[in-house]
């Protein structure tokens, strides 16, 4: 097999067959995928969650992860925000002619390892090859299906006055990690992506409380966008405290140097929860007991005032509006 992807790898020829049989399937195989049919067939019953997303990160390898881990984590986390238990994922690859096969193998190995960590199966997929210059090495599209337990009803429109806002850890790490690799920047305190599957943490939270009203992973637009969406969807106000929001020293330093605000920088391994006040302590303890939530903190609360707005109390005692970003802060980070 060639050392690099050729257009013929996407032509349905023997090279296409070899790509699937020798690189993709062996790493991802399971009884459903092994059928190699055009559609995956599996039994399911109950309330389902379904999501899809595409990943175009540049570069495809970055400190703390790569496009393969990002794709699995992003889809798993999107399902988890509905309270679903992620079960099955699809994996579609759009590969640029010239991509080195070793890089593709590395990405697929990362997909396999991350899916195993999350306890999900890749059950169907697709591969396309495009001309050199028509993509940026590799794009990935995923879709995911999860099962929602009886009694779980979580939505961005369910935030209520009095709810406590809990954040699972430090913000801005993914965006800064990707940007630093892309731009060749080095900071005194290195930053790695927080890219992680959060479904097991969410499962623990749901065991701790049936009063979790809303969940969201603050990806593009960061924490600021997520909280603003909560406020707008539910018609409530949200007050957060700057001093309670965890920020990694490297992220803080990079943002001060570059004139960025950590509130608006993307995350790929964080969860924001709106929880009824009587259960906030239990949910916080559950999050802190998970490897990806050790820095979880209660950062604010929901109010019936200033509906649709997020207000931050700063360290110096002032208040400022935290609004949706006017444009793209950092391009190509997911």
Protein backbone atom coordinates (compact mmCIF):
# COMPACT_ATOMS: atom_id res chain seq x y z
CA UNK A 1 0.00 0.00 0.00
CA UNK A 2 1.18 3.50 -0.81
CA UNK A 3 2.75 5.60 1.96
CA UNK A 4 0.25 8.37 1.24
CA UNK A 5 -3.42 8.61 0.42
CA UNK A 6 -4.11 8.61 -3.33
CA UNK A 7 -7.30 9.58 -5.14
CA UNK A 8 -7.63 5.89 -5.99
CA UNK A 9 -8.17 5.16 -2.28
CA UNK A 10 -11.59 6.74 -2.68
CA UNK A 11 -12.52 5.21 -6.02
CA UNK A 12 -14.05 1.93 -4.85
CA UNK A 13 -11.03 0.04 -6.19
CA UNK A 14 -8.77 -2.48 -4.49
CA UNK A 15 -6.99 0.42 -2.80
CA UNK A 16 -10.32 1.52 -1.31
CA UNK A 17 -10.94 -2.01 -0.09
CA UNK A 18 -7.45 -2.22 1.40
CA UNK A 19 -7.90 1.12 3.19
CA UNK A 20 -11.06 -0.11 4.89
CA UNK A 21 -9.97 -3.69 5.52
CA UNK A 22 -6.38 -3.05 6.61
CA UNK A 23 -6.49 0.31 8.41
CA UNK A 24 -10.02 1.21 9.48
CA UNK A 25 -11.88 -1.98 10.38
CA UNK A 26 -9.12 -3.79 12.32
CA UNK A 27 -8.81 -0.91 14.76
CA UNK A 28 -12.52 -0.28 15.20
CA UNK A 29 -14.02 -3.74 14.76
CA UNK A 30 -17.04 -4.94 16.71
CA UNK A 31 -19.84 -7.38 15.78
CA UNK A 32 -22.03 -4.65 14.27
CA UNK A 33 -19.31 -2.95 12.21
CA UNK A 34 -17.88 -6.30 11.13
CA UNK A 35 -20.97 -6.87 8.95
CA UNK A 36 -19.69 -4.11 6.63
CA UNK A 37 -23.20 -3.37 5.41
CA UNK A 38 -24.35 0.04 4.23
CA UNK A 39 -26.33 0.55 7.45
CA UNK A 40 -25.72 -0.61 11.00
CA UNK A 41 -28.50 -2.71 12.49
CA UNK A 42 -29.00 -2.92 16.24
CA UNK A 43 -31.89 -3.22 18.73
CA UNK A 44 -32.95 -0.19 20.77
CA UNK A 45 -36.01 0.79 22.77
CA UNK A 46 -36.95 3.79 24.88
CA UNK A 47 -36.23 7.52 24.50
CA UNK A 48 -33.27 8.19 22.22
CA UNK A 49 -30.89 11.11 21.75
CA UNK A 50 -29.34 11.64 18.32
CA UNK A 51 -26.63 14.13 17.36
CA UNK A 52 -24.18 14.84 14.57
CA UNK A 53 -21.12 17.06 14.22
CA UNK A 54 -18.17 17.71 11.91
CA UNK A 55 -14.55 18.31 12.89
CA UNK A 56 -12.14 20.45 10.88
CA UNK A 57 -9.50 21.31 13.48
CA UNK A 58 -6.18 22.72 12.31
CA UNK A 59 -3.69 21.22 13.07
CA UNK A 60 -5.07 17.69 13.29
CA UNK A 61 -2.57 16.86 16.07
CA UNK A 62 -2.29 19.20 19.05
CA UNK A 63 -1.11 19.07 22.68
CA UNK A 64 -3.48 16.78 24.56
CA UNK A 65 -5.26 15.24 21.58
CA UNK A 66 -5.97 15.03 17.86
CA UNK A 67 -8.89 15.19 15.47
CA UNK A 68 -9.83 11.56 16.18
CA UNK A 69 -10.10 11.98 19.93
CA UNK A 70 -11.87 15.29 19.39
CA UNK A 71 -14.51 13.72 17.14
CA UNK A 72 -15.39 10.96 19.59
CA UNK A 73 -15.37 13.23 22.63
CA UNK A 74 -17.43 15.92 20.94
CA UNK A 75 -20.19 13.51 19.95
CA UNK A 76 -20.17 11.62 23.25
CA UNK A 77 -20.39 14.89 25.17
CA UNK A 78 -23.20 16.26 23.01
CA UNK A 79 -25.25 13.14 23.75
CA UNK A 80 -24.40 13.42 27.43
CA UNK A 81 -25.79 16.96 27.64
CA UNK A 82 -29.26 15.47 27.12
CA UNK A 83 -28.65 13.01 29.93
CA UNK A 84 -28.30 10.15 27.44
CA UNK A 85 -25.98 7.20 27.78
CA UNK A 86 -23.98 7.21 24.50
CA UNK A 87 -24.04 3.85 22.72
CA UNK A 88 -23.25 3.99 19.01
CA UNK A 89 -21.29 6.35 16.75
CA UNK A 90 -20.75 6.69 13.02
CA UNK A 91 -17.41 7.81 11.60
CA UNK A 92 -17.10 9.45 8.18
CA UNK A 93 -13.69 10.53 6.91
CA UNK A 94 -13.00 13.13 4.21
CA UNK A 95 -9.32 12.65 3.41
CA UNK A 96 -7.17 14.94 1.32
CA UNK A 97 -4.99 13.32 -1.29
CA UNK A 98 -1.44 13.14 0.05
CA UNK A 99 -2.24 12.51 3.71
CA UNK A 100 0.37 10.14 5.11
CA UNK A 101 -1.01 6.73 6.00
CA UNK A 102 0.89 6.77 9.27
CA UNK A 103 -1.02 9.90 10.29
CA UNK A 104 -4.31 8.25 9.36
CA UNK A 105 -3.39 5.17 11.40
CA UNK A 106 -2.54 7.42 14.35
CA UNK A 107 -5.92 9.16 14.14
CA UNK A 108 -7.84 5.88 13.87
CA UNK A 109 -5.94 4.46 16.84
CA UNK A 110 -6.96 7.55 18.80
CA UNK A 111 -10.59 7.05 17.76
CA UNK A 112 -10.41 3.44 18.94
CA UNK A 113 -8.83 4.30 22.30
CA UNK A 114 -11.24 7.16 23.02
CA UNK A 115 -14.29 5.10 22.05
CA UNK A 116 -13.09 2.35 24.39
CA UNK A 117 -12.63 4.88 27.20
CA UNK A 118 -16.16 6.18 26.67
CA UNK A 119 -17.66 2.71 26.28
CA UNK A 120 -19.17 3.40 22.85
CA UNK A 121 -18.96 1.50 19.57
CA UNK A 122 -18.21 2.78 16.08
CA UNK A 123 -20.82 0.84 14.11
CA UNK A 124 -20.85 2.42 10.64
CA UNK A 125 -18.88 4.89 8.55
CA UNK A 126 -17.74 6.20 5.22
CA UNK A 127 -14.53 7.31 3.51
CA UNK A 128 -14.08 9.87 0.77
CA UNK A 129 -10.85 11.11 -0.81
CA UNK A 130 -10.69 14.61 -2.34
CA UNK A 131 -8.08 16.26 -4.54
CA UNK A 132 -5.01 17.82 -3.00
CA UNK A 133 -5.85 21.33 -1.82
CA UNK A 134 -9.61 20.64 -1.56
CA UNK A 135 -9.50 19.81 2.16
CA UNK A 136 -7.09 20.39 5.02
CA UNK A 137 -5.56 16.92 5.40
CA UNK A 138 -8.52 15.32 7.16
CA UNK A 139 -12.11 16.21 8.08
CA UNK A 140 -14.29 13.95 10.22
CA UNK A 141 -18.05 13.76 10.57
CA UNK A 142 -19.65 11.76 13.36
CA UNK A 143 -23.18 10.99 14.45
CA UNK A 144 -24.18 9.41 17.72
CA UNK A 145 -27.13 7.65 19.33
CA UNK A 146 -27.73 7.40 23.06
CA UNK A 147 -30.41 6.10 25.40
CA UNK A 148 -32.17 8.37 27.91
CA UNK A 149 -33.33 6.81 31.15
CA UNK A 150 -36.90 7.17 32.36
CA UNK A 151 -37.42 10.39 34.31
CA UNK A 152 -34.46 12.28 32.84
CA UNK A 153 -35.54 15.54 31.20
CA UNK A 154 -32.62 17.90 30.56
CA UNK A 155 -32.66 20.92 28.25
CA UNK A 156 -31.18 24.37 27.91
CA UNK A 157 -34.73 25.68 28.27
CA UNK A 158 -35.20 24.17 31.76
CA UNK A 159 -32.98 26.53 33.76
CA UNK A 160 -34.92 28.00 36.69
CA UNK A 161 -34.40 30.92 39.08
CA UNK A 162 -32.56 29.67 42.14
CA UNK A 163 -30.57 27.03 40.23
CA UNK A 164 -26.87 26.84 40.95
CA UNK A 165 -24.36 26.95 38.07
CA UNK A 166 -21.58 24.36 38.34
CA UNK A 167 -18.55 24.17 36.04
CA UNK A 168 -16.51 20.96 35.87
CA UNK A 169 -13.04 22.58 35.64
CA UNK A 170 -10.68 25.15 34.14
CA UNK A 171 -11.74 26.94 30.96
CA UNK A 172 -10.01 27.79 27.68
CA UNK A 173 -7.49 24.95 27.58
CA UNK A 174 -8.50 23.42 24.26
CA UNK A 175 -8.56 26.67 22.31
CA UNK A 176 -5.22 27.85 23.65
CA UNK A 177 -3.58 24.45 23.07
CA UNK A 178 -4.71 24.30 19.43
CA UNK A 179 -3.78 27.91 18.73
CA UNK A 180 -0.33 27.54 20.28
CA UNK A 181 0.50 24.55 18.08
CA UNK A 182 -0.93 26.17 14.95
CA UNK A 183 0.90 29.46 15.45
CA UNK A 184 4.12 27.96 16.85
CA UNK A 185 3.73 29.77 20.18
CA UNK A 186 5.39 28.64 23.38
CA UNK A 187 4.24 29.78 26.79
CA UNK A 188 6.08 29.67 30.09
CA UNK A 189 3.38 27.37 31.46
CA UNK A 190 2.46 24.82 28.77
CA UNK A 191 -1.23 24.29 27.97
CA UNK A 192 -2.72 21.01 26.75
CA UNK A 193 -6.21 20.43 25.44
CA UNK A 194 -8.84 19.26 27.92
CA UNK A 195 -10.37 17.01 25.23
CA UNK A 196 -12.15 14.21 27.15
CA UNK A 197 -15.30 12.05 27.09
CA UNK A 198 -17.57 13.19 29.93
CA UNK A 199 -20.35 10.60 29.76
CA UNK A 200 -19.20 8.69 32.84
CA UNK A 201 -19.00 11.90 34.85
CA UNK A 202 -22.52 12.83 33.73
CA UNK A 203 -23.79 9.35 34.66
CA UNK A 204 -22.46 9.90 38.17
CA UNK A 205 -24.14 13.30 38.35
CA UNK A 206 -27.48 11.78 37.37
CA UNK A 207 -27.11 9.20 40.12
CA UNK A 208 -26.47 11.99 42.61
CA UNK A 209 -29.52 14.03 41.59
CA UNK A 210 -32.70 13.94 39.53
CA UNK A 211 -32.83 17.74 39.72
CA UNK A 212 -30.25 18.55 37.06
CA UNK A 213 -32.16 20.90 34.80
CA UNK A 214 -29.60 21.73 32.10
CA UNK A 215 -26.23 20.51 30.86
CA UNK A 216 -24.01 21.91 28.14
CA UNK A 217 -20.41 21.42 27.04
CA UNK A 218 -18.97 24.91 26.41
CA UNK A 219 -17.19 24.37 23.08
CA UNK A 220 -17.10 27.14 20.45
CA UNK A 221 -17.75 30.49 22.11
CA UNK A 222 -16.67 29.08 25.46
CA UNK A 223 -18.35 29.47 28.83
CA UNK A 224 -19.73 32.90 27.91
CA UNK A 225 -21.74 31.55 24.97
CA UNK A 226 -23.06 28.57 26.92
CA UNK A 227 -24.34 30.68 29.81
CA UNK A 228 -25.81 33.24 27.43
CA UNK A 229 -27.65 30.45 25.60
CA UNK A 230 -29.03 29.17 28.92
CA UNK A 231 -30.25 32.65 29.80
CA UNK A 232 -31.87 33.23 26.41
CA UNK A 233 -33.43 29.77 26.06
CA UNK A 234 -34.94 29.81 29.55
CA UNK A 235 -35.71 33.51 29.87
CA UNK A 236 -33.71 33.90 33.07
CA UNK A 237 -30.75 35.90 34.32
CA UNK A 238 -27.47 34.36 35.43
CA UNK A 239 -24.93 35.80 37.88
CA UNK A 240 -21.42 34.33 37.99
CA UNK A 241 -18.39 35.22 40.10
CA UNK A 242 -15.08 35.73 38.34
CA UNK A 243 -13.07 34.62 41.37
CA UNK A 244 -14.78 31.22 41.44
CA UNK A 245 -14.14 30.30 37.79
CA UNK A 246 -11.12 27.99 37.55
CA UNK A 247 -8.54 29.08 34.96
CA UNK A 248 -5.23 27.28 34.34
CA UNK A 249 -2.18 29.51 34.88
CA UNK A 250 -1.02 28.86 31.33
CA UNK A 251 -4.40 29.86 29.89
CA UNK A 252 -4.51 32.99 32.02
CA UNK A 253 -1.01 33.99 30.95
CA UNK A 254 -1.65 33.31 27.26
CA UNK A 255 -4.89 35.31 27.32
CA UNK A 256 -3.22 38.26 29.05
CA UNK A 257 -0.40 38.19 26.50
CA UNK A 258 -2.70 37.93 23.47
CA UNK A 259 -5.57 40.12 24.69
CA UNK A 260 -8.08 37.26 24.86
CA UNK A 261 -10.80 36.52 27.41
CA UNK A 262 -10.84 32.93 28.78
CA UNK A 263 -14.63 33.10 29.02
CA UNK A 264 -14.85 33.01 25.22
CA UNK A 265 -12.20 30.35 24.49
CA UNK A 266 -13.32 26.85 23.43
CA UNK A 267 -13.31 23.81 25.68
CA UNK A 268 -13.66 20.14 24.71
CA UNK A 269 -13.68 18.46 28.11
CA UNK A 270 -15.81 20.62 30.35
CA UNK A 271 -19.46 20.51 31.40
CA UNK A 272 -21.71 23.27 32.73
CA UNK A 273 -24.71 22.27 34.83
CA UNK A 274 -27.74 24.15 36.13
CA UNK A 275 -28.85 22.28 39.25
CA UNK A 276 -31.64 22.79 41.78
CA UNK A 277 -30.10 24.43 44.88
CA UNK A 278 -30.95 21.56 47.23
CA UNK A 279 -28.87 19.13 45.13
CA UNK A 280 -25.95 21.39 44.15
CA UNK A 281 -23.57 20.10 46.83
CA UNK A 282 -24.24 16.45 45.92
CA UNK A 283 -23.76 17.08 42.21
CA UNK A 284 -20.57 19.07 42.82
CA UNK A 285 -19.14 16.25 44.96
CA UNK A 286 -19.99 13.71 42.26
CA UNK A 287 -18.21 15.77 39.61
CA UNK A 288 -15.15 16.22 41.81
CA UNK A 289 -14.97 12.46 42.27
CA UNK A 290 -14.46 11.95 38.53
CA UNK A 291 -10.99 12.28 36.95
CA UNK A 292 -12.29 14.97 34.60
CA UNK A 293 -14.04 16.99 37.29
CA UNK A 294 -11.51 17.33 40.10
CA UNK A 295 -11.54 21.14 39.72
CA UNK A 296 -15.32 21.43 39.55
CA UNK A 297 -16.66 24.58 41.18
CA UNK A 298 -19.95 26.31 41.93
CA UNK A 299 -19.53 29.55 39.96
CA UNK A 300 -22.90 31.28 40.10
CA UNK A 301 -26.67 31.14 40.30
CA UNK A 302 -29.78 31.82 38.29
CA UNK A 303 -32.05 34.79 38.96
CA UNK A 304 -35.43 36.01 37.72
CA UNK A 305 -33.90 39.46 37.13
CA UNK A 306 -32.18 40.82 33.96
CA UNK A 307 -33.73 38.06 31.86
CA UNK A 308 -31.64 36.84 28.96
CA UNK A 309 -28.42 38.29 30.36
CA UNK A 310 -25.35 36.98 32.13
CA UNK A 311 -23.69 39.25 34.67
CA UNK A 312 -20.24 38.61 36.11
CA UNK A 313 -19.13 39.96 39.46
CA UNK A 314 -15.46 40.79 38.98
CA UNK A 315 -12.65 40.30 41.48
CA UNK A 316 -12.59 44.02 42.24
CA UNK A 317 -16.28 44.11 43.12
CA UNK A 318 -17.64 45.56 39.88
CA UNK A 319 -20.14 43.92 37.54
CA UNK A 320 -20.05 43.49 33.78
CA UNK A 321 -22.28 41.97 31.15
CA UNK A 322 -21.05 38.71 29.62
CA UNK A 323 -22.56 38.66 26.15
CA UNK A 324 -22.42 36.33 23.17
CA UNK A 325 -19.22 36.85 21.14
CA UNK A 326 -19.59 39.20 18.19
CA UNK A 327 -17.50 36.95 15.93
CA UNK A 328 -15.12 34.01 15.83
CA UNK A 329 -12.47 34.33 18.55
CA UNK A 330 -10.21 31.49 17.39
CA UNK A 331 -10.89 29.80 14.02
CA UNK A 332 -10.61 26.06 13.29
CA UNK A 333 -10.43 24.78 16.86
CA UNK A 334 -12.96 21.94 16.52
